[in-house]
Every structure is written in C-alpha cells, then in structure tokens.
Amino acid sequence: MIPDATLWTVIVGLGLGSFFLRFGFMGFVGDREMPAWLLRHLRYTAVAIIPALVAPIVVYSGEDGWPDPARFCAAIITVAVGLISKSFFTAIIAGAVTLYALLFLIG
C-alpha cells in the first residue's frame, strides 16, 4: 500500500509537470509563429503516442508473457487495413470489430 503523502506528492508533481509542459507551448509561444521544423515534428506526435499506448496492451495481455491471440490478430488487421486504406478511422474500426469478434468466438 502506498502512503497517502507519497501518492498525493506524485499526483501533484505529475499535474504540475503536465501543466508546465503545455504552458511552455501555449503560454510562451502561443501568439508567435513557430519554426517550420518544429511544426513538422509536432505533426507526428499522435502517430507516436497511439502505438505507445496500444503496444503494451497487445504484447503483455496474454498469459505467461505471451501475447493474447485475439489482441495480436486485431493489431495485425488494424495495421494492414491502415496501410491499405490510409484511413485512421477505418483501421480503428476494423481492429475493434476483429478484436470483439475474436473475443466472442474464443471466449
């Protein structure tokens, strides 16, 4: 069990860190033109964050360190549909339908 003081220190610290990271862009740079190289890099933020959120769920969701077959197949279908269709929403819908269909069939 985590002591209450430690828990609240971590929560407040993460909140302040998140605030100052955002304030750095919006407060100090909000009304100025950002350089083209920075804007180019910021475009890839969502492309980097979504796989970082999904990959641990796909890789570590099974038993004994093995990936769960339903999640692994859904991830492969999602990537394949995304590459073929070039549509984020189509890929997400295809992956979700695959995941729930396989979970229904297996479980």
PDB file of N, CA and C in Angstrom:
ATOM      1  N   MET A   1       0.844  -1.186   0.000  1.00  0.00           N
ATOM      2  CA  MET A   1       0.000   0.000   0.000  1.00  0.00           C
ATOM      3  C   MET A   1       0.880   1.237   0.000  1.00  0.00           C
ATOM      4  N   ILE A   2       0.573   2.171  -0.845  1.00  0.00           N
ATOM      5  CA  ILE A   2       1.344   3.416  -0.946  1.00  0.00           C
ATOM      6  C   ILE A   2       0.834   4.398   0.105  1.00  0.00           C
ATOM      7  N   PRO A   3       1.740   5.015   0.858  1.00  0.00           N
ATOM      8  CA  PRO A   3       1.288   6.029   1.830  1.00  0.00           C
ATOM      9  C   PRO A   3       0.594   7.191   1.115  1.00  0.00           C
ATOM     10  N   ASP A   4      -0.381   7.791   1.792  1.00  0.00           N
ATOM     11  CA  ASP A   4      -1.162   8.875   1.187  1.00  0.00           C
ATOM     12  C   ASP A   4      -0.304  10.054   0.777  1.00  0.00           C
ATOM     13  N   ALA A   5       0.683  10.405   1.589  1.00  0.00           N
ATOM     14  CA  ALA A   5       1.534  11.559   1.261  1.00  0.00           C
ATOM     15  C   ALA A   5       2.326  11.303  -0.016  1.00  0.00           C
ATOM     16  N   THR A   6       2.824  10.099  -0.195  1.00  0.00           N
ATOM     17  CA  THR A   6       3.579   9.767  -1.410  1.00  0.00           C
ATOM     18  C   THR A   6       2.671   9.815  -2.632  1.00  0.00           C
ATOM     19  N   LEU A   7       1.493   9.247  -2.497  1.00  0.00           N
ATOM     20  CA  LEU A   7       0.543   9.236  -3.611  1.00  0.00           C
ATOM     21  C   LEU A   7       0.185  10.653  -4.044  1.00  0.00           C
ATOM     22  N   TRP A   8      -0.153  11.516  -3.090  1.00  0.00           N
ATOM     23  CA  TRP A   8      -0.540  12.884  -3.431  1.00  0.00           C
ATOM     24  C   TRP A   8       0.646  13.685  -3.946  1.00  0.00           C
ATOM     25  N   THR A   9       1.849  13.398  -3.467  1.00  0.00           N
ATOM     26  CA  THR A   9       3.035  14.073  -3.994  1.00  0.00           C
ATOM     27  C   THR A   9       3.243  13.721  -5.465  1.00  0.00           C
ATOM     28  N   VAL A  10       3.071  12.455  -5.798  1.00  0.00           N
ATOM     29  CA  VAL A  10       3.218  12.027  -7.193  1.00  0.00           C
ATOM     30  C   VAL A  10       2.117  12.644  -8.058  1.00  0.00           C
ATOM     31  N   ILE A  11       0.876  12.631  -7.595  1.00  0.00           N
ATOM     32  CA  ILE A  11      -0.236  13.190  -8.366  1.00  0.00           C
ATOM     33  C   ILE A  11      -0.031  14.680  -8.614  1.00  0.00           C
ATOM     34  N   VAL A  12       0.317  15.433  -7.579  1.00  0.00           N
ATOM     35  CA  VAL A  12       0.528  16.880  -7.724  1.00  0.00           C
ATOM     36  C   VAL A  12       1.746  17.151  -8.602  1.00  0.00           C
ATOM     37  N   GLY A  13       2.811  16.369  -8.419  1.00  0.00           N
ATOM     38  CA  GLY A  13       4.014  16.561  -9.241  1.00  0.00           C
ATOM     39  C   GLY A  13       3.754  16.309 -10.718  1.00  0.00           C
ATOM     40  N   LEU A  14       3.038  15.231 -11.032  1.00  0.00           N
ATOM     41  CA  LEU A  14       2.710  14.951 -12.426  1.00  0.00           C
ATOM     42  C   LEU A  14       1.776  16.008 -13.011  1.00  0.00           C
ATOM     43  N   GLY A  15       0.838  16.483 -12.197  1.00  0.00           N
ATOM     44  CA  GLY A  15      -0.062  17.548 -12.662  1.00  0.00           C
ATOM     45  C   GLY A  15       0.690  18.828 -12.975  1.00  0.00           C
ATOM     46  N   LEU A  16       1.598  19.216 -12.087  1.00  0.00           N
ATOM     47  CA  LEU A  16       2.394  20.427 -12.333  1.00  0.00           C
ATOM     48  C   LEU A  16       3.303  20.260 -13.542  1.00  0.00           C
ATOM     49  N   GLY A  17       3.929  19.100 -13.652  1.00  0.00           N
ATOM     50  CA  GLY A  17       4.789  18.848 -14.816  1.00  0.00           C
ATOM     51  C   GLY A  17       4.016  18.917 -16.116  1.00  0.00           C
ATOM     52  N   SER A  18       2.822  18.318 -16.139  1.00  0.00           N
ATOM     53  CA  SER A  18       1.981  18.361 -17.328  1.00  0.00           C
ATOM     54  C   SER A  18       1.556  19.793 -17.653  1.00  0.00           C
ATOM     55  N   PHE A  19       1.198  20.552 -16.614  1.00  0.00           N
ATOM     56  CA  PHE A  19       0.790  21.940 -16.825  1.00  0.00           C
ATOM     57  C   PHE A  19       1.927  22.761 -17.433  1.00  0.00           C
ATOM     58  N   PHE A  20       3.139  22.649 -16.865  1.00  0.00           N
ATOM     59  CA  PHE A  20       4.240  23.468 -17.354  1.00  0.00           C
ATOM     60  C   PHE A  20       4.724  23.049 -18.734  1.00  0.00           C
ATOM     61  N   LEU A  21       4.597  21.766 -19.079  1.00  0.00           N
ATOM     62  CA  LEU A  21       4.924  21.356 -20.444  1.00  0.00           C
ATOM     63  C   LEU A  21       3.963  21.998 -21.442  1.00  0.00           C
ATOM     64  N   ARG A  22       2.690  22.006 -21.125  1.00  0.00           N
ATOM     65  CA  ARG A  22       1.710  22.626 -22.023  1.00  0.00           C
ATOM     66  C   ARG A  22       1.844  24.146 -22.027  1.00  0.00           C
ATOM     67  N   PHE A  23       2.084  24.720 -20.867  1.00  0.00           N
ATOM     68  CA  PHE A  23       2.215  26.169 -20.778  1.00  0.00           C
ATOM     69  C   PHE A  23       3.422  26.663 -21.572  1.00  0.00           C
ATOM     70  N   GLY A  24       4.455  25.836 -21.639  1.00  0.00           N
ATOM     71  CA  GLY A  24       5.629  26.212 -22.427  1.00  0.00           C
ATOM     72  C   GLY A  24       5.281  26.478 -23.880  1.00  0.00           C
ATOM     73  N   PHE A  25       4.354  25.692 -24.422  1.00  0.00           N
ATOM     74  CA  PHE A  25       3.954  25.899 -25.815  1.00  0.00           C
ATOM     75  C   PHE A  25       2.865  26.954 -25.943  1.00  0.00           C
ATOM     76  N   MET A  26       1.873  26.890 -25.091  1.00  0.00           N
ATOM     77  CA  MET A  26       0.732  27.790 -25.253  1.00  0.00           C
ATOM     78  C   MET A  26       0.959  29.153 -24.617  1.00  0.00           C
ATOM     79  N   GLY A  27       1.623  29.209 -23.497  1.00  0.00           N
ATOM     80  CA  GLY A  27       1.807  30.474 -22.790  1.00  0.00           C
ATOM     81  C   GLY A  27       2.926  31.322 -23.363  1.00  0.00           C
ATOM     82  N   PHE A  28       4.054  30.696 -23.609  1.00  0.00           N
ATOM     83  CA  PHE A  28       5.202  31.463 -24.099  1.00  0.00           C
ATOM     84  C   PHE A  28       5.230  31.605 -25.610  1.00  0.00           C
ATOM     85  N   VAL A  29       4.730  30.614 -26.326  1.00  0.00           N
ATOM     86  CA  VAL A  29       4.840  30.605 -27.789  1.00  0.00           C
ATOM     87  C   VAL A  29       3.475  30.769 -28.455  1.00  0.00           C
ATOM     88  N   GLY A  30       2.415  30.870 -27.692  1.00  0.00           N
ATOM     89  CA  GLY A  30       1.060  30.851 -28.226  1.00  0.00           C
ATOM     90  C   GLY A  30       0.752  31.854 -29.318  1.00  0.00           C
ATOM     91  N   ASP A  31       1.288  33.069 -29.247  1.00  0.00           N
ATOM     92  CA  ASP A  31       0.952  34.083 -30.245  1.00  0.00           C
ATOM     93  C   ASP A  31       2.075  34.325 -31.247  1.00  0.00           C
ATOM     94  N   ARG A  32       3.099  33.505 -31.210  1.00  0.00           N
ATOM     95  CA  ARG A  32       4.227  33.654 -32.152  1.00  0.00           C
ATOM     96  C   ARG A  32       4.200  32.546 -33.198  1.00  0.00           C
ATOM     97  N   GLU A  33       4.803  32.835 -34.313  1.00  0.00           N
ATOM     98  CA  GLU A  33       4.928  31.846 -35.375  1.00  0.00           C
ATOM     99  C   GLU A  33       6.013  30.838 -34.994  1.00  0.00           C
ATOM    100  N   MET A  34       5.670  29.555 -35.045  1.00  0.00           N
ATOM    101  CA  MET A  34       6.654  28.519 -34.730  1.00  0.00           C
ATOM    102  C   MET A  34       7.439  28.167 -35.989  1.00  0.00           C
ATOM    103  N   PRO A  35       8.692  27.761 -35.812  1.00  0.00           N
ATOM    104  CA  PRO A  35       9.501  27.401 -36.983  1.00  0.00           C
ATOM    105  C   PRO A  35       8.928  26.179 -37.708  1.00  0.00           C
ATOM    106  N   ALA A  36       9.182  26.108 -38.993  1.00  0.00           N
ATOM    107  CA  ALA A  36       8.645  25.025 -39.820  1.00  0.00           C
ATOM    108  C   ALA A  36       9.142  23.664 -39.353  1.00  0.00           C
ATOM    109  N   TRP A  37      10.400  23.560 -38.919  1.00  0.00           N
ATOM    110  CA  TRP A  37      10.935  22.268 -38.486  1.00  0.00           C
ATOM    111  C   TRP A  37      10.213  21.755 -37.237  1.00  0.00           C
ATOM    112  N   LEU A  38       9.828  22.670 -36.337  1.00  0.00           N
ATOM    113  CA  LEU A  38       9.112  22.268 -35.132  1.00  0.00           C
ATOM    114  C   LEU A  38       7.692  21.823 -35.468  1.00  0.00           C
ATOM    115  N   LEU A  39       7.022  22.552 -36.339  1.00  0.00           N
ATOM    116  CA  LEU A  39       5.678  22.168 -36.763  1.00  0.00           C
ATOM    117  C   LEU A  39       5.684  20.809 -37.456  1.00  0.00           C
ATOM    118  N   ARG A  40       6.726  20.549 -38.249  1.00  0.00           N
ATOM    119  CA  ARG A  40       6.839  19.261 -38.929  1.00  0.00           C
ATOM    120  C   ARG A  40       6.964  18.127 -37.909  1.00  0.00           C
ATOM    121  N   HIS A  41       7.744  18.344 -36.849  1.00  0.00           N
ATOM    122  CA  HIS A  41       7.910  17.312 -35.819  1.00  0.00           C
ATOM    123  C   HIS A  41       6.644  17.143 -34.984  1.00  0.00           C
ATOM    124  N   LEU A  42       5.936  18.206 -34.720  1.00  0.00           N
ATOM    125  CA  LEU A  42       4.718  18.122 -33.913  1.00  0.00           C
ATOM    126  C   LEU A  42       3.599  17.370 -34.628  1.00  0.00           C
ATOM    127  N   ARG A  43       3.654  17.326 -35.956  1.00  0.00           N
ATOM    128  CA  ARG A  43       2.642  16.585 -36.707  1.00  0.00           C
ATOM    129  C   ARG A  43       2.673  15.096 -36.397  1.00  0.00           C
ATOM    130  N   TYR A  44       3.826  14.582 -35.978  1.00  0.00           N
ATOM    131  CA  TYR A  44       3.979  13.155 -35.736  1.00  0.00           C
ATOM    132  C   TYR A  44       3.707  12.761 -34.286  1.00  0.00           C
ATOM    133  N   THR A  45       3.246  13.672 -33.473  1.00  0.00           N
ATOM    134  CA  THR A  45       3.011  13.369 -32.067  1.00  0.00           C
ATOM    135  C   THR A  45       1.948  12.290 -31.895  1.00  0.00           C
ATOM    136  N   ALA A  46       0.805  12.432 -32.534  1.00  0.00           N
ATOM    137  CA  ALA A  46      -0.266  11.438 -32.408  1.00  0.00           C
ATOM    138  C   ALA A  46       0.163  10.093 -32.985  1.00  0.00           C
ATOM    139  N   VAL A  47       0.923  10.123 -34.074  1.00  0.00           N
ATOM    140  CA  VAL A  47       1.386   8.890 -34.698  1.00  0.00           C
ATOM    141  C   VAL A  47       2.331   8.135 -33.758  1.00  0.00           C
ATOM    142  N   ALA A  48       3.034   8.848 -32.908  1.00  0.00           N
ATOM    143  CA  ALA A  48       3.935   8.200 -31.962  1.00  0.00           C
ATOM    144  C   ALA A  48       3.228   7.777 -30.679  1.00  0.00           C
ATOM    145  N   ILE A  49       2.241   8.538 -30.249  1.00  0.00           N
ATOM    146  CA  ILE A  49       1.594   8.260 -28.968  1.00  0.00           C
ATOM    147  C   ILE A  49       0.641   7.076 -29.061  1.00  0.00           C
ATOM    148  N   ILE A  50      -0.124   6.961 -30.120  1.00  0.00           N
ATOM    149  CA  ILE A  50      -1.113   5.889 -30.215  1.00  0.00           C
ATOM    150  C   ILE A  50      -0.451   4.507 -30.182  1.00  0.00           C
ATOM    151  N   PRO A  51       0.593   4.234 -30.970  1.00  0.00           N
ATOM    152  CA  PRO A  51       1.250   2.923 -30.827  1.00  0.00           C
ATOM    153  C   PRO A  51       1.879   2.716 -29.446  1.00  0.00           C
ATOM    154  N   ALA A  52       2.366   3.781 -28.830  1.00  0.00           N
ATOM    155  CA  ALA A  52       2.947   3.647 -27.495  1.00  0.00           C
ATOM    156  C   ALA A  52       1.896   3.272 -26.463  1.00  0.00           C
ATOM    157  N   LEU A  53       0.659   3.674 -26.659  1.00  0.00           N
ATOM    158  CA  LEU A  53      -0.418   3.289 -25.754  1.00  0.00           C
ATOM    159  C   LEU A  53      -0.932   1.881 -26.030  1.00  0.00           C
ATOM    160  N   VAL A  54      -0.950   1.482 -27.297  1.00  0.00           N
ATOM    161  CA  VAL A  54      -1.544   0.212 -27.683  1.00  0.00           C
ATOM    162  C   VAL A  54      -0.558  -0.955 -27.568  1.00  0.00           C
ATOM    163  N   ALA A  55       0.707  -0.745 -27.868  1.00  0.00           N
ATOM    164  CA  ALA A  55       1.690  -1.835 -27.908  1.00  0.00           C
ATOM    165  C   ALA A  55       1.781  -2.631 -26.608  1.00  0.00           C
ATOM    166  N   PRO A  56       1.830  -2.010 -25.434  1.00  0.00           N
ATOM    167  CA  PRO A  56       1.890  -2.829 -24.213  1.00  0.00           C
ATOM    168  C   PRO A  56       0.653  -3.701 -24.009  1.00  0.00           C
ATOM    169  N   ILE A  57      -0.505  -3.211 -24.422  1.00  0.00           N
ATOM    170  CA  ILE A  57      -1.728  -4.000 -24.280  1.00  0.00           C
ATOM    171  C   ILE A  57      -1.681  -5.221 -25.190  1.00  0.00           C
ATOM    172  N   VAL A  58      -1.135  -5.043 -26.393  1.00  0.00           N
ATOM    173  CA  VAL A  58      -1.052  -6.156 -27.341  1.00  0.00           C
ATOM    174  C   VAL A  58       0.010  -7.159 -26.894  1.00  0.00           C
ATOM    175  N   VAL A  59       1.157  -6.690 -26.478  1.00  0.00           N
ATOM    176  CA  VAL A  59       2.285  -7.569 -26.189  1.00  0.00           C
ATOM    177  C   VAL A  59       2.153  -8.270 -24.843  1.00  0.00           C
ATOM    178  N   TYR A  60       1.681  -7.566 -23.822  1.00  0.00           N
ATOM    179  CA  TYR A  60       1.682  -8.128 -22.470  1.00  0.00           C
ATOM    180  C   TYR A  60       0.310  -8.530 -21.948  1.00  0.00           C
ATOM    181  N   SER A  61      -0.660  -8.754 -22.815  1.00  0.00           N
ATOM    182  CA  SER A  61      -2.010  -9.029 -22.345  1.00  0.00           C
ATOM    183  C   SER A  61      -2.284 -10.513 -22.122  1.00  0.00           C
ATOM    184  N   GLY A  62      -1.431 -11.386 -22.633  1.00  0.00           N
ATOM    185  CA  GLY A  62      -1.685 -12.819 -22.520  1.00  0.00           C
ATOM    186  C   GLY A  62      -1.163 -13.413 -21.228  1.00  0.00           C
ATOM    187  N   GLU A  63      -1.129 -14.732 -21.212  1.00  0.00           N
ATOM    188  CA  GLU A  63      -0.655 -15.452 -20.038  1.00  0.00           C
ATOM    189  C   GLU A  63       0.819 -15.821 -20.206  1.00  0.00           C
ATOM    190  N   ASP A  64       1.545 -15.816 -19.112  1.00  0.00           N
ATOM    191  CA  ASP A  64       2.956 -16.230 -19.074  1.00  0.00           C
ATOM    192  C   ASP A  64       3.828 -15.451 -20.052  1.00  0.00           C
ATOM    193  N   GLY A  65       3.513 -14.203 -20.287  1.00  0.00           N
ATOM    194  CA  GLY A  65       4.339 -13.361 -21.140  1.00  0.00           C
ATOM    195  C   GLY A  65       4.074 -13.494 -22.626  1.00  0.00           C
ATOM    196  N   TRP A  66       3.119 -14.333 -23.012  1.00  0.00           N
ATOM    197  CA  TRP A  66       2.782 -14.488 -24.422  1.00  0.00           C
ATOM    198  C   TRP A  66       1.652 -13.534 -24.785  1.00  0.00           C
ATOM    199  N   PRO A  67       1.671 -13.007 -26.001  1.00  0.00           N
ATOM    200  CA  PRO A  67       0.574 -12.113 -26.417  1.00  0.00           C
ATOM    201  C   PRO A  67      -0.755 -12.860 -26.500  1.00  0.00           C
ATOM    202  N   ASP A  68      -1.820 -12.152 -26.236  1.00  0.00           N
ATOM    203  CA  ASP A  68      -3.164 -12.705 -26.388  1.00  0.00           C
ATOM    204  C   ASP A  68      -3.458 -12.819 -27.883  1.00  0.00           C
ATOM    205  N   PRO A  69      -3.855 -14.007 -28.361  1.00  0.00           N
ATOM    206  CA  PRO A  69      -4.065 -14.183 -29.807  1.00  0.00           C
ATOM    207  C   PRO A  69      -5.102 -13.222 -30.393  1.00  0.00           C
ATOM    208  N   ALA A  70      -6.177 -12.944 -29.677  1.00  0.00           N
ATOM    209  CA  ALA A  70      -7.216 -12.062 -30.208  1.00  0.00           C
ATOM    210  C   ALA A  70      -6.680 -10.645 -30.383  1.00  0.00           C
ATOM    211  N   ARG A  71      -5.978 -10.148 -29.393  1.00  0.00           N
ATOM    212  CA  ARG A  71      -5.427  -8.789 -29.483  1.00  0.00           C
ATOM    213  C   ARG A  71      -4.314  -8.705 -30.530  1.00  0.00           C
ATOM    214  N   PHE A  72      -3.518  -9.746 -30.628  1.00  0.00           N
ATOM    215  CA  PHE A  72      -2.436  -9.756 -31.611  1.00  0.00           C
ATOM    216  C   PHE A  72      -2.996  -9.752 -33.029  1.00  0.00           C
ATOM    217  N   CYS A  73      -4.005 -10.584 -33.283  1.00  0.00           N
ATOM    218  CA  CYS A  73      -4.638 -10.609 -34.614  1.00  0.00           C
ATOM    219  C   CYS A  73      -5.321  -9.284 -34.925  1.00  0.00           C
ATOM    220  N   ALA A  74      -5.984  -8.695 -33.925  1.00  0.00           N
ATOM    221  CA  ALA A  74      -6.648  -7.407 -34.134  1.00  0.00           C
ATOM    222  C   ALA A  74      -5.622  -6.321 -34.453  1.00  0.00           C
ATOM    223  N   ALA A  75      -4.462  -6.368 -33.801  1.00  0.00           N
ATOM    224  CA  ALA A  75      -3.416  -5.388 -34.090  1.00  0.00           C
ATOM    225  C   ALA A  75      -2.885  -5.553 -35.509  1.00  0.00           C
ATOM    226  N   ILE A  76      -2.702  -6.790 -35.942  1.00  0.00           N
ATOM    227  CA  ILE A  76      -2.215  -7.032 -37.312  1.00  0.00           C
ATOM    228  C   ILE A  76      -3.246  -6.554 -38.335  1.00  0.00           C
ATOM    229  N   ILE A  77      -4.515  -6.847 -38.101  1.00  0.00           N
ATOM    230  CA  ILE A  77      -5.575  -6.391 -39.011  1.00  0.00           C
ATOM    231  C   ILE A  77      -5.639  -4.868 -39.042  1.00  0.00           C
ATOM    232  N   THR A  78      -5.503  -4.238 -37.883  1.00  0.00           N
ATOM    233  CA  THR A  78      -5.547  -2.779 -37.815  1.00  0.00           C
ATOM    234  C   THR A  78      -4.428  -2.161 -38.643  1.00  0.00           C
ATOM    235  N   VAL A  79      -3.224  -2.686 -38.497  1.00  0.00           N
ATOM    236  CA  VAL A  79      -2.085  -2.158 -39.260  1.00  0.00           C
ATOM    237  C   VAL A  79      -2.286  -2.404 -40.753  1.00  0.00           C
ATOM    238  N   ALA A  80      -2.731  -3.600 -41.117  1.00  0.00           N
ATOM    239  CA  ALA A  80      -2.928  -3.913 -42.538  1.00  0.00           C
ATOM    240  C   ALA A  80      -4.000  -3.022 -43.167  1.00  0.00           C
ATOM    241  N   VAL A  81      -5.124  -2.861 -42.486  1.00  0.00           N
ATOM    242  CA  VAL A  81      -6.195  -2.012 -43.024  1.00  0.00           C
ATOM    243  C   VAL A  81      -5.730  -0.561 -43.091  1.00  0.00           C
ATOM    244  N   GLY A  82      -4.980  -0.114 -42.101  1.00  0.00           N
ATOM    245  CA  GLY A  82      -4.459   1.250 -42.125  1.00  0.00           C
ATOM    246  C   GLY A  82      -3.513   1.495 -43.284  1.00  0.00           C
ATOM    247  N   LEU A  83      -2.638   0.514 -43.550  1.00  0.00           N
ATOM    248  CA  LEU A  83      -1.707   0.663 -44.664  1.00  0.00           C
ATOM    249  C   LEU A  83      -2.420   0.634 -46.014  1.00  0.00           C
ATOM    250  N   ILE A  84      -3.432  -0.200 -46.123  1.00  0.00           N
ATOM    251  CA  ILE A  84      -4.151  -0.318 -47.396  1.00  0.00           C
ATOM    252  C   ILE A  84      -5.083   0.869 -47.622  1.00  0.00           C
ATOM    253  N   SER A  85      -5.864   1.219 -46.593  1.00  0.00           N
ATOM    254  CA  SER A  85      -6.882   2.253 -46.783  1.00  0.00           C
ATOM    255  C   SER A  85      -6.376   3.673 -46.553  1.00  0.00           C
ATOM    256  N   LYS A  86      -5.261   3.811 -45.846  1.00  0.00           N
ATOM    257  CA  LYS A  86      -4.714   5.133 -45.481  1.00  0.00           C
ATOM    258  C   LYS A  86      -5.710   5.950 -44.660  1.00  0.00           C
ATOM    259  N   SER A  87      -6.592   5.258 -43.958  1.00  0.00           N
ATOM    260  CA  SER A  87      -7.617   5.917 -43.152  1.00  0.00           C
ATOM    261  C   SER A  87      -7.494   5.455 -41.708  1.00  0.00           C
ATOM    262  N   PHE A  88      -7.293   6.405 -40.814  1.00  0.00           N
ATOM    263  CA  PHE A  88      -7.142   6.104 -39.391  1.00  0.00           C
ATOM    264  C   PHE A  88      -8.413   5.473 -38.838  1.00  0.00           C
ATOM    265  N   PHE A  89      -9.562   6.077 -39.122  1.00  0.00           N
ATOM    266  CA  PHE A  89     -10.817   5.598 -38.561  1.00  0.00           C
ATOM    267  C   PHE A  89     -11.214   4.231 -39.114  1.00  0.00           C
ATOM    268  N   THR A  90     -10.966   3.991 -40.387  1.00  0.00           N
ATOM    269  CA  THR A  90     -11.260   2.682 -40.964  1.00  0.00           C
ATOM    270  C   THR A  90     -10.405   1.609 -40.295  1.00  0.00           C
ATOM    271  N   ALA A  91      -9.134   1.913 -40.054  1.00  0.00           N
ATOM    272  CA  ALA A  91      -8.250   0.955 -39.401  1.00  0.00           C
ATOM    273  C   ALA A  91      -8.706   0.670 -37.972  1.00  0.00           C
ATOM    274  N   ILE A  92      -9.069   1.704 -37.234  1.00  0.00           N
ATOM    275  CA  ILE A  92      -9.519   1.521 -35.852  1.00  0.00           C
ATOM    276  C   ILE A  92     -10.799   0.701 -35.808  1.00  0.00           C
ATOM    277  N   ILE A  93     -11.734   0.987 -36.692  1.00  0.00           N
ATOM    278  CA  ILE A  93     -12.997   0.233 -36.719  1.00  0.00           C
ATOM    279  C   ILE A  93     -12.738  -1.224 -37.090  1.00  0.00           C
ATOM    280  N   ALA A  94     -11.877  -1.465 -38.083  1.00  0.00           N
ATOM    281  CA  ALA A  94     -11.560  -2.841 -38.474  1.00  0.00           C
ATOM    282  C   ALA A  94     -10.903  -3.592 -37.326  1.00  0.00           C
ATOM    283  N   GLY A  95      -9.994  -2.938 -36.608  1.00  0.00           N
ATOM    284  CA  GLY A  95      -9.341  -3.579 -35.467  1.00  0.00           C
ATOM    285  C   GLY A  95     -10.311  -3.870 -34.343  1.00  0.00           C
ATOM    286  N   ALA A  96     -11.203  -2.940 -34.061  1.00  0.00           N
ATOM    287  CA  ALA A  96     -12.181  -3.141 -32.989  1.00  0.00           C
ATOM    288  C   ALA A  96     -13.146  -4.274 -33.332  1.00  0.00           C
ATOM    289  N   VAL A  97     -13.621  -4.306 -34.577  1.00  0.00           N
ATOM    290  CA  VAL A  97     -14.529  -5.380 -34.996  1.00  0.00           C
ATOM    291  C   VAL A  97     -13.811  -6.726 -34.915  1.00  0.00           C
ATOM    292  N   THR A  98     -12.571  -6.765 -35.359  1.00  0.00           N
ATOM    293  CA  THR A  98     -11.790  -8.014 -35.288  1.00  0.00           C
ATOM    294  C   THR A  98     -11.604  -8.455 -33.852  1.00  0.00           C
ATOM    295  N   LEU A  99     -11.222  -7.522 -32.972  1.00  0.00           N
ATOM    296  CA  LEU A  99     -10.991  -7.869 -31.576  1.00  0.00           C
ATOM    297  C   LEU A  99     -12.247  -8.424 -30.927  1.00  0.00           C
ATOM    298  N   TYR A 100     -13.366  -7.724 -31.060  1.00  0.00           N
ATOM    299  CA  TYR A 100     -14.591  -8.179 -30.409  1.00  0.00           C
ATOM    300  C   TYR A 100     -15.135  -9.461 -31.022  1.00  0.00           C
ATOM    301  N   ALA A 101     -14.961  -9.639 -32.339  1.00  0.00           N
ATOM    302  CA  ALA A 101     -15.397 -10.890 -32.968  1.00  0.00           C
ATOM    303  C   ALA A 101     -14.572 -12.060 -32.459  1.00  0.00           C
ATOM    304  N   LEU A 102     -13.247 -11.878 -32.372  1.00  0.00           N
ATOM    305  CA  LEU A 102     -12.393 -12.961 -31.884  1.00  0.00           C
ATOM    306  C   LEU A 102     -12.623 -13.234 -30.395  1.00  0.00           C
ATOM    307  N   LEU A 103     -12.826 -12.217 -29.616  1.00  0.00           N
ATOM    308  CA  LEU A 103     -13.106 -12.423 -28.186  1.00  0.00           C
ATOM    309  C   LEU A 103     -14.436 -13.162 -28.017  1.00  0.00           C
ATOM    310  N   PHE A 104     -15.404 -12.857 -28.867  1.00  0.00           N
ATOM    311  CA  PHE A 104     -16.691 -13.543 -28.807  1.00  0.00           C
ATOM    312  C   PHE A 104     -16.553 -15.017 -29.216  1.00  0.00           C
ATOM    313  N   LEU A 105     -15.764 -15.264 -30.285  1.00  0.00           N
ATOM    314  CA  LEU A 105     -15.590 -16.637 -30.764  1.00  0.00           C
ATOM    315  C   LEU A 105     -14.730 -17.485 -29.822  1.00  0.00           C
ATOM    316  N   ILE A 106     -13.680 -16.880 -29.264  1.00  0.00           N
ATOM    317  CA  ILE A 106     -12.770 -17.632 -28.393  1.00  0.00           C
ATOM    318  C   ILE A 106     -13.372 -17.797 -27.003  1.00  0.00           C
ATOM    319  N   GLY A 107     -13.914 -16.707 -26.469  1.00  0.00           N
ATOM    320  CA  GLY A 107     -14.374 -16.738 -25.081  1.00  0.00           C
ATOM    321  C   GLY A 107     -15.792 -17.066 -25.006  1.00  0.00           C
TER     322      GLY A 107
END
